[in-house]
């Protein structure tokens, strides 16, 4: 499975702005769990994808402090994290579960933050 045009449109509707800074233009589709160099397309799934600004997308891969912050906010997943790890929306100051059907549902912060 690849990120299809239909998926991109649904992601655009679900994620109309960057969860980090609120930018609403030039957003990029980000894999919360990295596919790696040509890695598995099985990770092209709604609960693994978010739209973020280009700055955040780049910095999550290049800057250790930004990557740490991204993991704490669910924007980036380690290999051990489940896709049910919530995502924090800084603009709305709310936590969401990204659902496999391409929608999201408000939830509570992860247990390690409580």
PDB file of N, CA and C in Angstrom:
ATOM      1  N   UNK A   1       0.852  -1.183   0.000  1.00  0.00           N
ATOM      2  CA  UNK A   1       0.000   0.000   0.000  1.00  0.00           C
ATOM      3  C   UNK A   1       0.893   1.240   0.000  1.00  0.00           C
ATOM      4  N   UNK A   2       0.538   2.238  -0.746  1.00  0.00           N
ATOM      5  CA  UNK A   2       1.277   3.503  -0.797  1.00  0.00           C
ATOM      6  C   UNK A   2       0.322   4.634  -0.419  1.00  0.00           C
ATOM      7  N   UNK A   3       0.888   5.784  -0.128  1.00  0.00           N
ATOM      8  CA  UNK A   3       0.048   6.945   0.165  1.00  0.00           C
ATOM      9  C   UNK A   3      -0.576   7.382  -1.154  1.00  0.00           C
ATOM     10  N   UNK A   4      -1.827   7.045  -1.321  1.00  0.00           N
ATOM     11  CA  UNK A   4      -2.544   7.344  -2.555  1.00  0.00           C
ATOM     12  C   UNK A   4      -3.059   8.777  -2.537  1.00  0.00           C
ATOM     13  N   UNK A   5      -3.531   9.231  -3.675  1.00  0.00           N
ATOM     14  CA  UNK A   5      -4.137  10.565  -3.754  1.00  0.00           C
ATOM     15  C   UNK A   5      -5.344  10.644  -2.820  1.00  0.00           C
ATOM     16  N   UNK A   6      -6.149   9.588  -2.784  1.00  0.00           N
ATOM     17  CA  UNK A   6      -7.313   9.559  -1.900  1.00  0.00           C
ATOM     18  C   UNK A   6      -6.890   9.666  -0.433  1.00  0.00           C
ATOM     19  N   UNK A   7      -5.830   8.945  -0.055  1.00  0.00           N
ATOM     20  CA  UNK A   7      -5.318   9.044   1.318  1.00  0.00           C
ATOM     21  C   UNK A   7      -4.822  10.460   1.605  1.00  0.00           C
ATOM     22  N   UNK A   8      -4.095  11.033   0.643  1.00  0.00           N
ATOM     23  CA  UNK A   8      -3.570  12.395   0.829  1.00  0.00           C
ATOM     24  C   UNK A   8      -4.696  13.391   1.062  1.00  0.00           C
ATOM     25  N   UNK A   9      -5.783  13.245   0.319  1.00  0.00           N
ATOM     26  CA  UNK A   9      -6.926  14.147   0.498  1.00  0.00           C
ATOM     27  C   UNK A   9      -7.558  13.961   1.874  1.00  0.00           C
ATOM     28  N   UNK A  10      -7.677  12.719   2.309  1.00  0.00           N
ATOM     29  CA  UNK A  10      -8.256  12.465   3.630  1.00  0.00           C
ATOM     30  C   UNK A  10      -7.330  12.985   4.738  1.00  0.00           C
ATOM     31  N   UNK A  11      -6.015  12.848   4.560  1.00  0.00           N
ATOM     32  CA  UNK A  11      -5.070  13.397   5.527  1.00  0.00           C
ATOM     33  C   UNK A  11      -5.165  14.914   5.573  1.00  0.00           C
ATOM     34  N   UNK A  12      -5.349  15.526   4.414  1.00  0.00           N
ATOM     35  CA  UNK A  12      -5.485  16.989   4.344  1.00  0.00           C
ATOM     36  C   UNK A  12      -6.708  17.449   5.134  1.00  0.00           C
ATOM     37  N   UNK A  13      -7.766  16.668   5.071  1.00  0.00           N
ATOM     38  CA  UNK A  13      -8.981  17.008   5.822  1.00  0.00           C
ATOM     39  C   UNK A  13      -8.781  16.789   7.319  1.00  0.00           C
ATOM     40  N   UNK A  14      -8.146  15.665   7.682  1.00  0.00           N
ATOM     41  CA  UNK A  14      -7.932  15.356   9.101  1.00  0.00           C
ATOM     42  C   UNK A  14      -6.897  16.286   9.728  1.00  0.00           C
ATOM     43  N   UNK A  15      -5.837  16.599   8.980  1.00  0.00           N
ATOM     44  CA  UNK A  15      -4.715  17.397   9.490  1.00  0.00           C
ATOM     45  C   UNK A  15      -4.560  18.669   8.650  1.00  0.00           C
ATOM     46  N   UNK A  16      -5.432  19.661   8.858  1.00  0.00           N
ATOM     47  CA  UNK A  16      -5.379  20.855   8.010  1.00  0.00           C
ATOM     48  C   UNK A  16      -4.219  21.803   8.332  1.00  0.00           C
ATOM     49  N   UNK A  17      -3.496  21.539   9.410  1.00  0.00           N
ATOM     50  CA  UNK A  17      -2.380  22.392   9.818  1.00  0.00           C
ATOM     51  C   UNK A  17      -1.346  21.542  10.555  1.00  0.00           C
ATOM     52  N   UNK A  18      -0.159  22.078  10.719  1.00  0.00           N
ATOM     53  CA  UNK A  18       0.910  21.410  11.452  1.00  0.00           C
ATOM     54  C   UNK A  18       0.566  21.392  12.940  1.00  0.00           C
ATOM     55  N   UNK A  19       0.646  20.215  13.564  1.00  0.00           N
ATOM     56  CA  UNK A  19       0.310  20.084  14.989  1.00  0.00           C
ATOM     57  C   UNK A  19       1.324  20.776  15.880  1.00  0.00           C
ATOM     58  N   UNK A  20       2.461  21.129  15.337  1.00  0.00           N
ATOM     59  CA  UNK A  20       3.518  21.779  16.107  1.00  0.00           C
ATOM     60  C   UNK A  20       3.403  23.304  16.082  1.00  0.00           C
ATOM     61  N   UNK A  21       3.248  23.871  14.872  1.00  0.00           N
ATOM     62  CA  UNK A  21       3.311  25.333  14.750  1.00  0.00           C
ATOM     63  C   UNK A  21       2.042  25.965  14.184  1.00  0.00           C
ATOM     64  N   UNK A  22       1.135  25.160  13.651  1.00  0.00           N
ATOM     65  CA  UNK A  22      -0.108  25.693  13.098  1.00  0.00           C
ATOM     66  C   UNK A  22      -0.036  26.109  11.640  1.00  0.00           C
ATOM     67  N   UNK A  23       1.128  25.964  11.010  1.00  0.00           N
ATOM     68  CA  UNK A  23       1.235  26.317   9.585  1.00  0.00           C
ATOM     69  C   UNK A  23       0.202  25.511   8.796  1.00  0.00           C
ATOM     70  N   UNK A  24      -0.388  26.163   7.797  1.00  0.00           N
ATOM     71  CA  UNK A  24      -1.404  25.459   7.012  1.00  0.00           C
ATOM     72  C   UNK A  24      -1.071  25.420   5.517  1.00  0.00           C
ATOM     73  N   UNK A  25       0.160  25.745   5.180  1.00  0.00           N
ATOM     74  CA  UNK A  25       0.602  25.657   3.788  1.00  0.00           C
ATOM     75  C   UNK A  25       1.884  24.831   3.728  1.00  0.00           C
ATOM     76  N   UNK A  26       2.115  24.250   2.573  1.00  0.00           N
ATOM     77  CA  UNK A  26       3.328  23.488   2.311  1.00  0.00           C
ATOM     78  C   UNK A  26       3.592  22.410   3.363  1.00  0.00           C
ATOM     79  N   UNK A  27       2.529  21.702   3.748  1.00  0.00           N
ATOM     80  CA  UNK A  27       2.684  20.625   4.718  1.00  0.00           C
ATOM     81  C   UNK A  27       3.162  19.361   4.020  1.00  0.00           C
ATOM     82  N   UNK A  28       3.876  18.544   4.767  1.00  0.00           N
ATOM     83  CA  UNK A  28       4.407  17.295   4.244  1.00  0.00           C
ATOM     84  C   UNK A  28       3.820  16.124   5.024  1.00  0.00           C
ATOM     85  N   UNK A  29       3.644  15.003   4.347  1.00  0.00           N
ATOM     86  CA  UNK A  29       3.184  13.789   5.021  1.00  0.00           C
ATOM     87  C   UNK A  29       4.390  13.175   5.717  1.00  0.00           C
ATOM     88  N   UNK A  30       4.241  12.973   7.017  1.00  0.00           N
ATOM     89  CA  UNK A  30       5.318  12.439   7.848  1.00  0.00           C
ATOM     90  C   UNK A  30       4.920  11.067   8.380  1.00  0.00           C
ATOM     91  N   UNK A  31       5.827  10.102   8.282  1.00  0.00           N
ATOM     92  CA  UNK A  31       5.632   8.780   8.878  1.00  0.00           C
ATOM     93  C   UNK A  31       6.080   8.858  10.337  1.00  0.00           C
ATOM     94  N   UNK A  32       5.168   8.606  11.242  1.00  0.00           N
ATOM     95  CA  UNK A  32       5.519   8.633  12.661  1.00  0.00           C
ATOM     96  C   UNK A  32       6.559   7.559  12.963  1.00  0.00           C
ATOM     97  N   UNK A  33       6.388   6.364  12.436  1.00  0.00           N
ATOM     98  CA  UNK A  33       7.422   5.330  12.493  1.00  0.00           C
ATOM     99  C   UNK A  33       8.057   5.313  11.113  1.00  0.00           C
ATOM    100  N   UNK A  34       9.334   5.575  11.079  1.00  0.00           N
ATOM    101  CA  UNK A  34      10.049   5.706   9.809  1.00  0.00           C
ATOM    102  C   UNK A  34       9.956   4.445   8.965  1.00  0.00           C
ATOM    103  N   UNK A  35       9.813   4.675   7.675  1.00  0.00           N
ATOM    104  CA  UNK A  35       9.889   3.573   6.716  1.00  0.00           C
ATOM    105  C   UNK A  35      11.334   3.207   6.449  1.00  0.00           C
ATOM    106  N   UNK A  36      12.241   4.112   6.683  1.00  0.00           N
ATOM    107  CA  UNK A  36      13.647   3.866   6.376  1.00  0.00           C
ATOM    108  C   UNK A  36      13.906   4.055   4.899  1.00  0.00           C
ATOM    109  N   UNK A  37      15.064   3.721   4.495  1.00  0.00           N
ATOM    110  CA  UNK A  37      15.471   3.885   3.102  1.00  0.00           C
ATOM    111  C   UNK A  37      14.703   2.891   2.228  1.00  0.00           C
ATOM    112  N   UNK A  38      13.595   3.329   1.650  1.00  0.00           N
ATOM    113  CA  UNK A  38      12.796   2.452   0.798  1.00  0.00           C
ATOM    114  C   UNK A  38      12.093   1.361   1.570  1.00  0.00           C
ATOM    115  N   UNK A  39      11.844   1.592   2.862  1.00  0.00           N
ATOM    116  CA  UNK A  39      11.275   0.573   3.745  1.00  0.00           C
ATOM    117  C   UNK A  39       9.856   0.170   3.402  1.00  0.00           C
ATOM    118  N   UNK A  40       9.290  -0.571   4.288  1.00  0.00           N
ATOM    119  CA  UNK A  40       7.995  -1.201   4.073  1.00  0.00           C
ATOM    120  C   UNK A  40       6.871  -0.200   3.831  1.00  0.00           C
ATOM    121  N   UNK A  41       6.137  -0.441   2.770  1.00  0.00           N
ATOM    122  CA  UNK A  41       4.962   0.386   2.490  1.00  0.00           C
ATOM    123  C   UNK A  41       3.816   0.023   3.423  1.00  0.00           C
ATOM    124  N   UNK A  42       3.969  -1.024   4.235  1.00  0.00           N
ATOM    125  CA  UNK A  42       2.952  -1.373   5.224  1.00  0.00           C
ATOM    126  C   UNK A  42       2.803  -0.259   6.259  1.00  0.00           C
ATOM    127  N   UNK A  43       3.777   0.646   6.317  1.00  0.00           N
ATOM    128  CA  UNK A  43       3.718   1.769   7.253  1.00  0.00           C
ATOM    129  C   UNK A  43       2.983   2.973   6.669  1.00  0.00           C
ATOM    130  N   UNK A  44       2.530   2.861   5.415  1.00  0.00           N
ATOM    131  CA  UNK A  44       1.717   3.913   4.791  1.00  0.00           C
ATOM    132  C   UNK A  44       0.270   3.700   5.220  1.00  0.00           C
ATOM    133  N   UNK A  45       0.004   3.954   6.475  1.00  0.00           N
ATOM    134  CA  UNK A  45      -1.328   3.744   7.051  1.00  0.00           C
ATOM    135  C   UNK A  45      -1.709   4.989   7.844  1.00  0.00           C
ATOM    136  N   UNK A  46      -3.008   5.259   7.911  1.00  0.00           N
ATOM    137  CA  UNK A  46      -3.490   6.509   8.508  1.00  0.00           C
ATOM    138  C   UNK A  46      -3.004   6.735   9.936  1.00  0.00           C
ATOM    139  N   UNK A  47      -2.909   5.670  10.733  1.00  0.00           N
ATOM    140  CA  UNK A  47      -2.491   5.863  12.119  1.00  0.00           C
ATOM    141  C   UNK A  47      -0.977   6.030  12.262  1.00  0.00           C
ATOM    142  N   UNK A  48      -0.257   5.993  11.150  1.00  0.00           N
ATOM    143  CA  UNK A  48       1.181   6.239  11.155  1.00  0.00           C
ATOM    144  C   UNK A  48       1.545   7.528  10.426  1.00  0.00           C
ATOM    145  N   UNK A  49       0.569   8.220   9.875  1.00  0.00           N
ATOM    146  CA  UNK A  49       0.839   9.401   9.055  1.00  0.00           C
ATOM    147  C   UNK A  49       0.239  10.659   9.669  1.00  0.00           C
ATOM    148  N   UNK A  50       0.997  11.736   9.649  1.00  0.00           N
ATOM    149  CA  UNK A  50       0.479  13.058  10.011  1.00  0.00           C
ATOM    150  C   UNK A  50       1.087  14.064   9.036  1.00  0.00           C
ATOM    151  N   UNK A  51       0.377  15.153   8.854  1.00  0.00           N
ATOM    152  CA  UNK A  51       0.896  16.244   8.019  1.00  0.00           C
ATOM    153  C   UNK A  51       1.526  17.277   8.938  1.00  0.00           C
ATOM    154  N   UNK A  52       2.779  17.630   8.651  1.00  0.00           N
ATOM    155  CA  UNK A  52       3.515  18.603   9.449  1.00  0.00           C
ATOM    156  C   UNK A  52       4.231  19.570   8.512  1.00  0.00           C
ATOM    157  N   UNK A  53       4.681  20.683   9.078  1.00  0.00           N
ATOM    158  CA  UNK A  53       5.432  21.654   8.283  1.00  0.00           C
ATOM    159  C   UNK A  53       6.791  21.068   7.892  1.00  0.00           C
ATOM    160  N   UNK A  54       7.369  21.603   6.838  1.00  0.00           N
ATOM    161  CA  UNK A  54       8.654  21.113   6.341  1.00  0.00           C
ATOM    162  C   UNK A  54       9.745  21.243   7.397  1.00  0.00           C
ATOM    163  N   UNK A  55       9.720  22.332   8.168  1.00  0.00           N
ATOM    164  CA  UNK A  55      10.731  22.536   9.202  1.00  0.00           C
ATOM    165  C   UNK A  55      10.704  21.386  10.201  1.00  0.00           C
ATOM    166  N   UNK A  56       9.508  21.056  10.727  1.00  0.00           N
ATOM    167  CA  UNK A  56       9.406  19.992  11.723  1.00  0.00           C
ATOM    168  C   UNK A  56       9.776  18.652  11.117  1.00  0.00           C
ATOM    169  N   UNK A  57       9.314  18.385   9.922  1.00  0.00           N
ATOM    170  CA  UNK A  57       9.618  17.111   9.273  1.00  0.00           C
ATOM    171  C   UNK A  57      11.133  16.921   9.162  1.00  0.00           C
ATOM    172  N   UNK A  58      11.839  17.947   8.753  1.00  0.00           N
ATOM    173  CA  UNK A  58      13.297  17.885   8.625  1.00  0.00           C
ATOM    174  C   UNK A  58      13.959  17.765   9.998  1.00  0.00           C
ATOM    175  N   UNK A  59      13.557  18.620  10.937  1.00  0.00           N
ATOM    176  CA  UNK A  59      14.207  18.662  12.244  1.00  0.00           C
ATOM    177  C   UNK A  59      14.021  17.375  13.048  1.00  0.00           C
ATOM    178  N   UNK A  60      12.879  16.704  12.886  1.00  0.00           N
ATOM    179  CA  UNK A  60      12.663  15.453  13.611  1.00  0.00           C
ATOM    180  C   UNK A  60      13.701  14.410  13.232  1.00  0.00           C
ATOM    181  N   UNK A  61      14.255  14.515  12.020  1.00  0.00           N
ATOM    182  CA  UNK A  61      15.252  13.553  11.559  1.00  0.00           C
ATOM    183  C   UNK A  61      16.684  14.034  11.796  1.00  0.00           C
ATOM    184  N   UNK A  62      16.879  15.335  12.000  1.00  0.00           N
ATOM    185  CA  UNK A  62      18.230  15.894  12.067  1.00  0.00           C
ATOM    186  C   UNK A  62      18.651  16.397  13.443  1.00  0.00           C
ATOM    187  N   UNK A  63      17.699  16.695  14.311  1.00  0.00           N
ATOM    188  CA  UNK A  63      18.001  17.347  15.579  1.00  0.00           C
ATOM    189  C   UNK A  63      17.514  16.450  16.724  1.00  0.00           C
ATOM    190  N   UNK A  64      18.431  15.991  17.550  1.00  0.00           N
ATOM    191  CA  UNK A  64      18.095  15.047  18.623  1.00  0.00           C
ATOM    192  C   UNK A  64      17.086  15.628  19.609  1.00  0.00           C
ATOM    193  N   UNK A  65      17.203  16.905  19.926  1.00  0.00           N
ATOM    194  CA  UNK A  65      16.260  17.517  20.877  1.00  0.00           C
ATOM    195  C   UNK A  65      14.857  17.605  20.287  1.00  0.00           C
ATOM    196  N   UNK A  66      14.757  17.975  19.019  1.00  0.00           N
ATOM    197  CA  UNK A  66      13.456  18.034  18.351  1.00  0.00           C
ATOM    198  C   UNK A  66      12.867  16.625  18.254  1.00  0.00           C
ATOM    199  N   UNK A  67      13.701  15.633  17.944  1.00  0.00           N
ATOM    200  CA  UNK A  67      13.237  14.247  17.855  1.00  0.00           C
ATOM    201  C   UNK A  67      12.705  13.773  19.198  1.00  0.00           C
ATOM    202  N   UNK A  68      13.391  14.116  20.274  1.00  0.00           N
ATOM    203  CA  UNK A  68      12.935  13.737  21.627  1.00  0.00           C
ATOM    204  C   UNK A  68      11.576  14.373  21.916  1.00  0.00           C
ATOM    205  N   UNK A  69      11.450  15.650  21.630  1.00  0.00           N
ATOM    206  CA  UNK A  69      10.181  16.354  21.816  1.00  0.00           C
ATOM    207  C   UNK A  69       9.078  15.718  20.963  1.00  0.00           C
ATOM    208  N   UNK A  70       9.420  15.352  19.736  1.00  0.00           N
ATOM    209  CA  UNK A  70       8.450  14.739  18.824  1.00  0.00           C
ATOM    210  C   UNK A  70       7.979  13.388  19.363  1.00  0.00           C
ATOM    211  N   UNK A  71       8.878  12.607  19.948  1.00  0.00           N
ATOM    212  CA  UNK A  71       8.470  11.325  20.539  1.00  0.00           C
ATOM    213  C   UNK A  71       7.557  11.560  21.738  1.00  0.00           C
ATOM    214  N   UNK A  72       7.843  12.578  22.549  1.00  0.00           N
ATOM    215  CA  UNK A  72       7.007  12.874  23.719  1.00  0.00           C
ATOM    216  C   UNK A  72       5.612  13.337  23.310  1.00  0.00           C
ATOM    217  N   UNK A  73       5.486  13.878  22.104  1.00  0.00           N
ATOM    218  CA  UNK A  73       4.195  14.357  21.614  1.00  0.00           C
ATOM    219  C   UNK A  73       3.518  13.400  20.632  1.00  0.00           C
ATOM    220  N   UNK A  74       4.131  12.224  20.415  1.00  0.00           N
ATOM    221  CA  UNK A  74       3.538  11.222  19.539  1.00  0.00           C
ATOM    222  C   UNK A  74       3.684  11.496  18.059  1.00  0.00           C
ATOM    223  N   UNK A  75       4.453  12.506  17.703  1.00  0.00           N
ATOM    224  CA  UNK A  75       4.649  12.837  16.285  1.00  0.00           C
ATOM    225  C   UNK A  75       5.662  11.906  15.645  1.00  0.00           C
ATOM    226  N   UNK A  76       6.481  11.292  16.480  1.00  0.00           N
ATOM    227  CA  UNK A  76       7.511  10.367  16.026  1.00  0.00           C
ATOM    228  C   UNK A  76       7.413   9.138  16.928  1.00  0.00           C
ATOM    229  N   UNK A  77       7.493   7.953  16.333  1.00  0.00           N
ATOM    230  CA  UNK A  77       7.397   6.713  17.094  1.00  0.00           C
ATOM    231  C   UNK A  77       8.709   5.941  17.023  1.00  0.00           C
ATOM    232  N   UNK A  78       9.053   5.339  18.138  1.00  0.00           N
ATOM    233  CA  UNK A  78      10.152   4.386  18.131  1.00  0.00           C
ATOM    234  C   UNK A  78       9.630   3.035  17.663  1.00  0.00           C
ATOM    235  N   UNK A  79      10.519   2.136  17.362  1.00  0.00           N
ATOM    236  CA  UNK A  79      10.112   0.814  16.893  1.00  0.00           C
ATOM    237  C   UNK A  79       9.273   0.079  17.926  1.00  0.00           C
ATOM    238  N   UNK A  80       9.408   0.420  19.185  1.00  0.00           N
ATOM    239  CA  UNK A  80       8.687  -0.237  20.275  1.00  0.00           C
ATOM    240  C   UNK A  80       7.314   0.386  20.530  1.00  0.00           C
ATOM    241  N   UNK A  81       7.050   1.572  20.000  1.00  0.00           N
ATOM    242  CA  UNK A  81       5.781   2.268  20.233  1.00  0.00           C
ATOM    243  C   UNK A  81       4.689   1.726  19.321  1.00  0.00           C
ATOM    244  N   UNK A  82       3.499   1.621  19.876  1.00  0.00           N
ATOM    245  CA  UNK A  82       2.356   1.189  19.077  1.00  0.00           C
ATOM    246  C   UNK A  82       1.739   2.349  18.318  1.00  0.00           C
ATOM    247  N   UNK A  83       1.006   2.009  17.264  1.00  0.00           N
ATOM    248  CA  UNK A  83       0.325   3.044  16.491  1.00  0.00           C
ATOM    249  C   UNK A  83      -0.820   3.675  17.283  1.00  0.00           C
ATOM    250  N   UNK A  84      -1.146   3.074  18.430  1.00  0.00           N
ATOM    251  CA  UNK A  84      -2.177   3.644  19.293  1.00  0.00           C
ATOM    252  C   UNK A  84      -1.598   4.710  20.228  1.00  0.00           C
ATOM    253  N   UNK A  85      -0.334   5.081  20.020  1.00  0.00           N
ATOM    254  CA  UNK A  85       0.269   6.177  20.778  1.00  0.00           C
ATOM    255  C   UNK A  85      -0.412   7.476  20.364  1.00  0.00           C
ATOM    256  N   UNK A  86      -0.968   8.219  21.327  1.00  0.00           N
ATOM    257  CA  UNK A  86      -1.668   9.453  20.964  1.00  0.00           C
ATOM    258  C   UNK A  86      -0.734  10.537  20.435  1.00  0.00           C
ATOM    259  N   UNK A  87      -1.331  11.483  19.726  1.00  0.00           N
ATOM    260  CA  UNK A  87      -0.636  12.629  19.128  1.00  0.00           C
ATOM    261  C   UNK A  87      -1.138  13.894  19.818  1.00  0.00           C
ATOM    262  N   UNK A  88      -0.197  14.758  20.202  1.00  0.00           N
ATOM    263  CA  UNK A  88      -0.584  16.018  20.831  1.00  0.00           C
ATOM    264  C   UNK A  88      -0.686  17.116  19.785  1.00  0.00           C
ATOM    265  N   UNK A  89      -1.803  17.808  19.776  1.00  0.00           N
ATOM    266  CA  UNK A  89      -2.037  18.949  18.892  1.00  0.00           C
ATOM    267  C   UNK A  89      -1.790  20.205  19.713  1.00  0.00           C
ATOM    268  N   UNK A  90      -0.638  20.847  19.502  1.00  0.00           N
ATOM    269  CA  UNK A  90      -0.290  22.046  20.275  1.00  0.00           C
ATOM    270  C   UNK A  90      -1.261  23.198  20.037  1.00  0.00           C
ATOM    271  N   UNK A  91      -1.848  23.261  18.862  1.00  0.00           N
ATOM    272  CA  UNK A  91      -2.746  24.364  18.548  1.00  0.00           C
ATOM    273  C   UNK A  91      -4.046  24.255  19.341  1.00  0.00           C
ATOM    274  N   UNK A  92      -4.538  23.048  19.530  1.00  0.00           N
ATOM    275  CA  UNK A  92      -5.775  22.840  20.277  1.00  0.00           C
ATOM    276  C   UNK A  92      -5.510  22.390  21.714  1.00  0.00           C
ATOM    277  N   UNK A  93      -4.260  22.163  22.051  1.00  0.00           N
ATOM    278  CA  UNK A  93      -3.827  21.622  23.343  1.00  0.00           C
ATOM    279  C   UNK A  93      -4.668  20.397  23.733  1.00  0.00           C
ATOM    280  N   UNK A  94      -4.757  19.459  22.780  1.00  0.00           N
ATOM    281  CA  UNK A  94      -5.505  18.220  22.989  1.00  0.00           C
ATOM    282  C   UNK A  94      -4.711  17.042  22.455  1.00  0.00           C
ATOM    283  N   UNK A  95      -4.977  15.886  23.034  1.00  0.00           N
ATOM    284  CA  UNK A  95      -4.399  14.625  22.575  1.00  0.00           C
ATOM    285  C   UNK A  95      -5.415  13.903  21.711  1.00  0.00           C
ATOM    286  N   UNK A  96      -4.934  13.268  20.643  1.00  0.00           N
ATOM    287  CA  UNK A  96      -5.796  12.527  19.722  1.00  0.00           C
ATOM    288  C   UNK A  96      -5.202  11.157  19.422  1.00  0.00           C
ATOM    289  N   UNK A  97      -6.082  10.190  19.221  1.00  0.00           N
ATOM    290  CA  UNK A  97      -5.698   8.917  18.632  1.00  0.00           C
ATOM    291  C   UNK A  97      -5.929   9.038  17.134  1.00  0.00           C
ATOM    292  N   UNK A  98      -4.958   8.638  16.354  1.00  0.00           N
ATOM    293  CA  UNK A  98      -5.131   8.587  14.912  1.00  0.00           C
ATOM    294  C   UNK A  98      -5.692   7.205  14.597  1.00  0.00           C
ATOM    295  N   UNK A  99      -6.835   7.171  13.968  1.00  0.00           N
ATOM    296  CA  UNK A  99      -7.537   5.913  13.734  1.00  0.00           C
ATOM    297  C   UNK A  99      -7.216   5.336  12.361  1.00  0.00           C
ATOM    298  N   UNK A 100      -7.269   4.007  12.240  1.00  0.00           N
ATOM    299  CA  UNK A 100      -6.944   3.362  10.963  1.00  0.00           C
ATOM    300  C   UNK A 100      -7.835   3.793   9.797  1.00  0.00           C
ATOM    301  N   UNK A 101      -9.015   4.346  10.090  1.00  0.00           N
ATOM    302  CA  UNK A 101      -9.932   4.751   9.011  1.00  0.00           C
ATOM    303  C   UNK A 101      -9.663   6.174   8.518  1.00  0.00           C
ATOM    304  N   UNK A 102      -8.615   6.831   9.032  1.00  0.00           N
ATOM    305  CA  UNK A 102      -8.262   8.164   8.550  1.00  0.00           C
ATOM    306  C   UNK A 102      -8.896   9.302   9.324  1.00  0.00           C
ATOM    307  N   UNK A 103      -9.503   8.996  10.461  1.00  0.00           N
ATOM    308  CA  UNK A 103     -10.059  10.027  11.323  1.00  0.00           C
ATOM    309  C   UNK A 103      -9.241  10.057  12.612  1.00  0.00           C
ATOM    310  N   UNK A 104      -9.632  10.925  13.536  1.00  0.00           N
ATOM    311  CA  UNK A 104      -8.971  10.980  14.837  1.00  0.00           C
ATOM    312  C   UNK A 104     -10.027  11.137  15.915  1.00  0.00           C
ATOM    313  N   UNK A 105      -9.667  10.719  17.123  1.00  0.00           N
ATOM    314  CA  UNK A 105     -10.586  10.808  18.258  1.00  0.00           C
ATOM    315  C   UNK A 105      -9.834  11.392  19.442  1.00  0.00           C
ATOM    316  N   UNK A 106     -10.464  12.337  20.116  1.00  0.00           N
ATOM    317  CA  UNK A 106      -9.845  12.935  21.286  1.00  0.00           C
ATOM    318  C   UNK A 106      -9.636  11.871  22.353  1.00  0.00           C
ATOM    319  N   UNK A 107      -8.506  11.969  23.057  1.00  0.00           N
ATOM    320  CA  UNK A 107      -8.169  10.976  24.083  1.00  0.00           C
ATOM    321  C   UNK A 107      -7.410  11.660  25.205  1.00  0.00           C
ATOM    322  N   UNK A 108      -6.892  10.861  26.107  1.00  0.00           N
ATOM    323  CA  UNK A 108      -6.100  11.347  27.241  1.00  0.00           C
ATOM    324  C   UNK A 108      -4.625  11.268  26.903  1.00  0.00           C
ATOM    325  N   UNK A 109      -3.795  12.009  27.653  1.00  0.00           N
ATOM    326  CA  UNK A 109      -2.348  11.909  27.428  1.00  0.00           C
ATOM    327  C   UNK A 109      -1.860  10.491  27.709  1.00  0.00           C
ATOM    328  N   UNK A 110      -0.736  10.102  27.133  1.00  0.00           N
ATOM    329  CA  UNK A 110      -0.177   8.779  27.422  1.00  0.00           C
ATOM    330  C   UNK A 110       0.172   8.650  28.915  1.00  0.00           C
ATOM    331  N   UNK A 111       0.187   7.443  29.402  1.00  0.00           N
ATOM    332  CA  UNK A 111       0.402   7.186  30.832  1.00  0.00           C
ATOM    333  C   UNK A 111       1.721   7.752  31.340  1.00  0.00           C
ATOM    334  N   UNK A 112       2.767   7.753  30.515  1.00  0.00           N
ATOM    335  CA  UNK A 112       4.063   8.240  30.996  1.00  0.00           C
ATOM    336  C   UNK A 112       4.056   9.746  31.283  1.00  0.00           C
ATOM    337  N   UNK A 113       3.029  10.448  30.831  1.00  0.00           N
ATOM    338  CA  UNK A 113       2.942  11.891  31.072  1.00  0.00           C
ATOM    339  C   UNK A 113       2.039  12.242  32.250  1.00  0.00           C
ATOM    340  N   UNK A 114       1.291  11.272  32.732  1.00  0.00           N
ATOM    341  CA  UNK A 114       0.335  11.551  33.833  1.00  0.00           C
ATOM    342  C   UNK A 114       1.019  11.471  35.157  1.00  0.00           C
TER     343      UNK A 114
END
